[in-house]
Amino acid sequence: MLQLLEEIRTCVLCPLPHGHRPVMAANPKSKIVIIGQAPGRKVHESGVPWDDKSGDNLRKWLGVTHEQFYDPTLFAVLPMGFCYPGTGKSGDLPPRPECAPQWHSKVLDHLKETELTLLIGQYAQEYYLQKSEQSLTETVKNYEAYLPNYFVLPHPSPRNNIWMKKNPWFGDNVLPALKNRIAAAIS
């Protein structure tokens, strides 16, 4: 697996005007796989997955410490796009489409002890669930339908605070179930 991770870290598969800096983490013993969208500018600069406000929110949602989250034997991080895609008119651009087909199955083949995969946001859910017309809200509301293979979540960006206020069932029902699954997987 070390050779594969080095190949990913030196990947230049797609054109990126601000440079390549793949950000991910994995270990053959990873218990939980987090599949999100792509690193933002701050994560691109630090090189540390989820090293931003979204990561702070995600760790709260999961009910884990900073140390637990960054233990690759507990958590693997595989974004849909491993590098920061740049900024568009209304925020970050979508993840580059080359990464997931090129790297995900190769990495996942090495993760033999995974107990849970989190699909965070629409890009991960569309790719892995191959869903058609269902909205992200409906997908998350029906999270139990995707278990035990996947636990579906919205993106934990502070920009989604309005969504969380409009959907109190997420904090009341989904987050406690998520914390229970995480605790069971890492215990």
C-alpha atoms as a PDB file:
ATOM      1  CA  MET A   1       0.000   0.000   0.000  1.00  0.00           C
ATOM      2  CA  LEU A   2       2.899   2.383   0.638  1.00  0.00           C
ATOM      3  CA  GLN A   3       3.794   2.375  -3.058  1.00  0.00           C
ATOM      4  CA  LEU A   4       0.184   3.178  -4.001  1.00  0.00           C
ATOM      5  CA  LEU A   5       0.041   6.079  -1.534  1.00  0.00           C
ATOM      6  CA  GLU A   6       3.288   7.445  -2.976  1.00  0.00           C
ATOM      7  CA  GLU A   7       1.833   7.207  -6.502  1.00  0.00           C
ATOM      8  CA  ILE A   8      -1.189   9.213  -5.345  1.00  0.00           C
ATOM      9  CA  ARG A   9       0.977  11.829  -3.601  1.00  0.00           C
ATOM     10  CA  THR A  10       2.920  12.404  -6.838  1.00  0.00           C
ATOM     11  CA  CYS A  11      -0.133  12.314  -9.134  1.00  0.00           C
ATOM     12  CA  VAL A  12      -0.399  15.001 -11.822  1.00  0.00           C
ATOM     13  CA  LEU A  13      -3.228  13.332 -13.773  1.00  0.00           C
ATOM     14  CA  CYS A  14      -5.277  16.489 -14.285  1.00  0.00           C
ATOM     15  CA  PRO A  15      -4.505  20.134 -15.063  1.00  0.00           C
ATOM     16  CA  LEU A  16      -4.576  22.378 -12.001  1.00  0.00           C
ATOM     17  CA  PRO A  17      -3.487  26.023 -12.307  1.00  0.00           C
ATOM     18  CA  HIS A  18      -2.477  26.324  -8.625  1.00  0.00           C
ATOM     19  CA  GLY A  19      -0.474  23.063  -8.501  1.00  0.00           C
ATOM     20  CA  HIS A  20      -0.990  19.522  -7.325  1.00  0.00           C
ATOM     21  CA  ARG A  21      -1.101  18.566  -3.680  1.00  0.00           C
ATOM     22  CA  PRO A  22      -3.115  15.386  -3.186  1.00  0.00           C
ATOM     23  CA  VAL A  23      -4.546  15.259   0.335  1.00  0.00           C
ATOM     24  CA  MET A  24      -5.674  11.897   1.645  1.00  0.00           C
ATOM     25  CA  ALA A  25      -4.898   9.305   4.304  1.00  0.00           C
ATOM     26  CA  ALA A  26      -5.245   5.529   4.497  1.00  0.00           C
ATOM     27  CA  ASN A  27      -3.878   2.507   6.298  1.00  0.00           C
ATOM     28  CA  PRO A  28      -4.672  -1.170   5.653  1.00  0.00           C
ATOM     29  CA  LYS A  29      -6.212  -1.238   9.165  1.00  0.00           C
ATOM     30  CA  SER A  30      -8.501   1.805   8.662  1.00  0.00           C
ATOM     31  CA  LYS A  31     -11.862   1.086  10.298  1.00  0.00           C
ATOM     32  CA  ILE A  32     -13.806   3.968   8.765  1.00  0.00           C
ATOM     33  CA  VAL A  33     -13.459   5.462   5.293  1.00  0.00           C
ATOM     34  CA  ILE A  34     -14.480   9.082   4.793  1.00  0.00           C
ATOM     35  CA  ILE A  35     -15.303   9.919   1.191  1.00  0.00           C
ATOM     36  CA  GLY A  36     -15.941  13.622   0.802  1.00  0.00           C
ATOM     37  CA  GLN A  37     -15.620  16.070  -2.069  1.00  0.00           C
ATOM     38  CA  ALA A  38     -12.198  17.749  -2.390  1.00  0.00           C
ATOM     39  CA  PRO A  39      -9.844  19.737  -0.195  1.00  0.00           C
ATOM     40  CA  GLY A  40     -10.512  23.436   0.141  1.00  0.00           C
ATOM     41  CA  ARG A  41      -7.871  26.141  -0.085  1.00  0.00           C
ATOM     42  CA  LYS A  42      -6.897  25.913   3.605  1.00  0.00           C
ATOM     43  CA  VAL A  43      -6.469  22.130   3.428  1.00  0.00           C
ATOM     44  CA  HIS A  44      -4.520  22.505   0.181  1.00  0.00           C
ATOM     45  CA  GLU A  45      -2.133  24.850   1.976  1.00  0.00           C
ATOM     46  CA  SER A  46      -1.717  22.703   5.111  1.00  0.00           C
ATOM     47  CA  GLY A  47      -1.779  19.302   3.402  1.00  0.00           C
ATOM     48  CA  VAL A  48      -3.838  17.947   6.333  1.00  0.00           C
ATOM     49  CA  PRO A  49      -7.261  16.423   5.528  1.00  0.00           C
ATOM     50  CA  TRP A  50     -10.264  18.246   7.005  1.00  0.00           C
ATOM     51  CA  ASP A  51      -7.982  20.888   8.590  1.00  0.00           C
ATOM     52  CA  ASP A  52     -10.655  23.590   8.525  1.00  0.00           C
ATOM     53  CA  LYS A  53     -14.041  24.566   9.980  1.00  0.00           C
ATOM     54  CA  SER A  54     -15.733  21.762   8.049  1.00  0.00           C
ATOM     55  CA  GLY A  55     -13.356  19.310   9.708  1.00  0.00           C
ATOM     56  CA  ASP A  56     -14.142  20.769  13.128  1.00  0.00           C
ATOM     57  CA  ASN A  57     -17.841  20.215  12.446  1.00  0.00           C
ATOM     58  CA  LEU A  58     -17.255  16.716  11.105  1.00  0.00           C
ATOM     59  CA  ARG A  59     -15.294  15.656  14.194  1.00  0.00           C
ATOM     60  CA  LYS A  60     -18.160  16.946  16.378  1.00  0.00           C
ATOM     61  CA  TRP A  61     -20.670  15.023  14.280  1.00  0.00           C
ATOM     62  CA  LEU A  62     -18.586  11.857  14.634  1.00  0.00           C
ATOM     63  CA  GLY A  63     -18.002  12.345  18.352  1.00  0.00           C
ATOM     64  CA  VAL A  64     -14.243  11.782  18.043  1.00  0.00           C
ATOM     65  CA  THR A  65     -11.159  13.576  19.237  1.00  0.00           C
ATOM     66  CA  HIS A  66      -8.613  15.257  16.999  1.00  0.00           C
ATOM     67  CA  GLU A  67      -6.160  12.437  17.785  1.00  0.00           C
ATOM     68  CA  GLN A  68      -8.676   9.716  16.900  1.00  0.00           C
ATOM     69  CA  PHE A  69      -9.642  11.445  13.662  1.00  0.00           C
ATOM     70  CA  TYR A  70      -6.044  11.672  12.476  1.00  0.00           C
ATOM     71  CA  ASP A  71      -5.184   8.072  13.371  1.00  0.00           C
ATOM     72  CA  PRO A  72      -5.108   6.350   9.951  1.00  0.00           C
ATOM     73  CA  THR A  73      -5.757   2.970  11.577  1.00  0.00           C
ATOM     74  CA  LEU A  74      -9.145   4.420  12.537  1.00  0.00           C
ATOM     75  CA  PHE A  75      -9.953   6.787   9.655  1.00  0.00           C
ATOM     76  CA  ALA A  76      -9.037   6.733   5.977  1.00  0.00           C
ATOM     77  CA  VAL A  77      -9.784   9.907   4.013  1.00  0.00           C
ATOM     78  CA  LEU A  78     -10.473   9.560   0.277  1.00  0.00           C
ATOM     79  CA  PRO A  79     -11.903  12.695  -1.282  1.00  0.00           C
ATOM     80  CA  MET A  80     -13.604  12.460  -4.659  1.00  0.00           C
ATOM     81  CA  GLY A  81     -10.879  14.818  -5.855  1.00  0.00           C
ATOM     82  CA  PHE A  82      -7.563  14.598  -4.005  1.00  0.00           C
ATOM     83  CA  CYS A  83      -6.404  18.116  -4.899  1.00  0.00           C
ATOM     84  CA  TYR A  84      -7.959  21.528  -4.395  1.00  0.00           C
ATOM     85  CA  PRO A  85      -9.927  22.208  -7.604  1.00  0.00           C
ATOM     86  CA  GLY A  86      -9.929  26.012  -7.340  1.00  0.00           C
ATOM     87  CA  THR A  87     -12.661  28.559  -6.742  1.00  0.00           C
ATOM     88  CA  GLY A  88     -15.690  29.307  -8.891  1.00  0.00           C
ATOM     89  CA  LYS A  89     -18.379  31.986  -8.689  1.00  0.00           C
ATOM     90  CA  SER A  90     -20.183  30.475  -5.704  1.00  0.00           C
ATOM     91  CA  GLY A  91     -17.409  28.671  -3.819  1.00  0.00           C
ATOM     92  CA  ASP A  92     -14.986  25.885  -4.572  1.00  0.00           C
ATOM     93  CA  LEU A  93     -15.213  24.159  -7.935  1.00  0.00           C
ATOM     94  CA  PRO A  94     -16.440  20.548  -8.058  1.00  0.00           C
ATOM     95  CA  PRO A  95     -13.883  17.799  -7.479  1.00  0.00           C
ATOM     96  CA  ARG A  96     -11.860  16.879 -10.543  1.00  0.00           C
ATOM     97  CA  PRO A  97     -13.509  13.849 -12.211  1.00  0.00           C
ATOM     98  CA  GLU A  98     -10.246  11.945 -12.770  1.00  0.00           C
ATOM     99  CA  CYS A  99      -9.380  11.052  -9.156  1.00  0.00           C
ATOM    100  CA  ALA A 100     -12.093   8.695  -7.966  1.00  0.00           C
ATOM    101  CA  PRO A 101     -12.058   6.385 -11.021  1.00  0.00           C
ATOM    102  CA  GLN A 102      -8.250   6.355 -11.050  1.00  0.00           C
ATOM    103  CA  TRP A 103      -7.551   5.786  -7.353  1.00  0.00           C
ATOM    104  CA  HIS A 104     -10.509   4.847  -5.162  1.00  0.00           C
ATOM    105  CA  SER A 105     -10.872   1.164  -6.009  1.00  0.00           C
ATOM    106  CA  LYS A 106      -7.101   0.689  -5.761  1.00  0.00           C
ATOM    107  CA  VAL A 107      -7.029   2.159  -2.261  1.00  0.00           C
ATOM    108  CA  LEU A 108     -10.229   0.449  -1.110  1.00  0.00           C
ATOM    109  CA  ASP A 109      -8.833  -2.931  -2.197  1.00  0.00           C
ATOM    110  CA  HIS A 110      -6.131  -2.500   0.474  1.00  0.00           C
ATOM    111  CA  LEU A 111      -8.552  -1.612   3.279  1.00  0.00           C
ATOM    112  CA  LYS A 112      -9.486  -5.039   4.611  1.00  0.00           C
ATOM    113  CA  GLU A 113     -10.719  -3.981   8.065  1.00  0.00           C
ATOM    114  CA  THR A 114     -13.179  -1.251   7.067  1.00  0.00           C
ATOM    115  CA  GLU A 115     -16.418  -1.391   9.025  1.00  0.00           C
ATOM    116  CA  LEU A 116     -18.108   1.774   7.789  1.00  0.00           C
ATOM    117  CA  THR A 117     -17.865   4.145   4.827  1.00  0.00           C
ATOM    118  CA  LEU A 118     -19.138   7.710   5.138  1.00  0.00           C
ATOM    119  CA  LEU A 119     -20.348   9.363   1.933  1.00  0.00           C
ATOM    120  CA  ILE A 120     -20.213  13.091   2.580  1.00  0.00           C
ATOM    121  CA  GLY A 121     -22.000  15.392   0.168  1.00  0.00           C
ATOM    122  CA  GLN A 122     -23.594  15.035  -3.230  1.00  0.00           C
ATOM    123  CA  TYR A 123     -20.474  14.175  -5.249  1.00  0.00           C
ATOM    124  CA  ALA A 124     -19.618  11.116  -3.148  1.00  0.00           C
ATOM    125  CA  GLN A 125     -23.247  10.031  -2.978  1.00  0.00           C
ATOM    126  CA  GLU A 126     -23.822  10.376  -6.714  1.00  0.00           C
ATOM    127  CA  TYR A 127     -20.668   8.388  -7.484  1.00  0.00           C
ATOM    128  CA  TYR A 128     -21.157   5.554  -5.003  1.00  0.00           C
ATOM    129  CA  LEU A 129     -24.937   5.299  -4.839  1.00  0.00           C
ATOM    130  CA  GLN A 130     -25.510   6.136  -8.500  1.00  0.00           C
ATOM    131  CA  LYS A 131     -28.665   7.907  -7.401  1.00  0.00           C
ATOM    132  CA  SER A 132     -30.767   9.694  -9.912  1.00  0.00           C
ATOM    133  CA  GLU A 133     -33.431  12.236  -8.976  1.00  0.00           C
ATOM    134  CA  GLN A 134     -33.318  12.004  -5.175  1.00  0.00           C
ATOM    135  CA  SER A 135     -32.109  15.162  -3.416  1.00  0.00           C
ATOM    136  CA  LEU A 136     -29.301  15.169  -0.887  1.00  0.00           C
ATOM    137  CA  THR A 137     -31.860  15.959   1.819  1.00  0.00           C
ATOM    138  CA  GLU A 138     -33.969  12.919   0.907  1.00  0.00           C
ATOM    139  CA  THR A 139     -30.875  10.721   0.713  1.00  0.00           C
ATOM    140  CA  VAL A 140     -29.709  11.800   4.182  1.00  0.00           C
ATOM    141  CA  LYS A 141     -33.226  11.534   5.613  1.00  0.00           C
ATOM    142  CA  ASN A 142     -33.293   7.914   4.394  1.00  0.00           C
ATOM    143  CA  TYR A 143     -29.763   7.145   5.612  1.00  0.00           C
ATOM    144  CA  GLU A 144     -30.797   3.756   7.042  1.00  0.00           C
ATOM    145  CA  ALA A 145     -31.551   2.485   3.527  1.00  0.00           C
ATOM    146  CA  TYR A 146     -27.822   2.668   2.694  1.00  0.00           C
ATOM    147  CA  LEU A 147     -26.584   0.872   5.801  1.00  0.00           C
ATOM    148  CA  PRO A 148     -24.586  -1.194   6.526  1.00  0.00           C
ATOM    149  CA  ASN A 149     -22.418  -0.323   3.491  1.00  0.00           C
ATOM    150  CA  TYR A 150     -22.658   3.457   3.628  1.00  0.00           C
ATOM    151  CA  PHE A 151     -23.610   6.200   6.039  1.00  0.00           C
ATOM    152  CA  VAL A 152     -24.692   9.252   4.017  1.00  0.00           C
ATOM    153  CA  LEU A 153     -24.178  12.802   5.286  1.00  0.00           C
ATOM    154  CA  PRO A 154     -24.411  16.373   4.044  1.00  0.00           C
ATOM    155  CA  HIS A 155     -21.184  18.313   3.850  1.00  0.00           C
ATOM    156  CA  PRO A 156     -20.281  19.704   7.297  1.00  0.00           C
ATOM    157  CA  SER A 157     -19.389  23.127   5.903  1.00  0.00           C
ATOM    158  CA  PRO A 158     -20.491  26.092   8.018  1.00  0.00           C
ATOM    159  CA  ARG A 159     -22.272  27.188   4.816  1.00  0.00           C
ATOM    160  CA  ASN A 160     -24.746  24.365   5.534  1.00  0.00           C
ATOM    161  CA  ASN A 161     -25.867  25.804   8.890  1.00  0.00           C
ATOM    162  CA  ILE A 162     -29.057  27.042   7.202  1.00  0.00           C
ATOM    163  CA  TRP A 163     -29.735  23.504   5.920  1.00  0.00           C
ATOM    164  CA  MET A 164     -29.262  22.144   9.443  1.00  0.00           C
ATOM    165  CA  LYS A 165     -31.728  24.668  10.875  1.00  0.00           C
ATOM    166  CA  LYS A 166     -34.292  23.737   8.223  1.00  0.00           C
ATOM    167  CA  ASN A 167     -33.783  20.021   8.923  1.00  0.00           C
ATOM    168  CA  PRO A 168     -33.720  19.532  12.716  1.00  0.00           C
ATOM    169  CA  TRP A 169     -34.291  15.789  12.246  1.00  0.00           C
ATOM    170  CA  PHE A 170     -30.630  15.582  11.180  1.00  0.00           C
ATOM    171  CA  GLY A 171     -29.333  16.601  14.614  1.00  0.00           C
ATOM    172  CA  ASP A 172     -32.099  14.767  16.461  1.00  0.00           C
ATOM    173  CA  ASN A 173     -31.994  11.426  14.608  1.00  0.00           C
ATOM    174  CA  VAL A 174     -29.073  11.081  12.220  1.00  0.00           C
ATOM    175  CA  LEU A 175     -26.183  12.405  14.321  1.00  0.00           C
ATOM    176  CA  PRO A 176     -26.899  10.163  17.350  1.00  0.00           C
ATOM    177  CA  ALA A 177     -27.084   7.131  15.038  1.00  0.00           C
ATOM    178  CA  LEU A 178     -23.827   8.217  13.378  1.00  0.00           C
ATOM    179  CA  LYS A 179     -22.027   8.628  16.714  1.00  0.00           C
ATOM    180  CA  ASN A 180     -23.177   5.175  17.799  1.00  0.00           C
ATOM    181  CA  ARG A 181     -21.881   3.587  14.574  1.00  0.00           C
ATOM    182  CA  ILE A 182     -18.555   5.413  14.852  1.00  0.00           C
ATOM    183  CA  ALA A 183     -18.103   4.438  18.500  1.00  0.00           C
ATOM    184  CA  ALA A 184     -18.823   0.790  17.678  1.00  0.00           C
ATOM    185  CA  ALA A 185     -16.387   0.775  14.759  1.00  0.00           C
ATOM    186  CA  ILE A 186     -13.454   2.290  16.648  1.00  0.00           C
ATOM    187  CA  SER A 187     -13.935   0.527  19.990  1.00  0.00           C
END
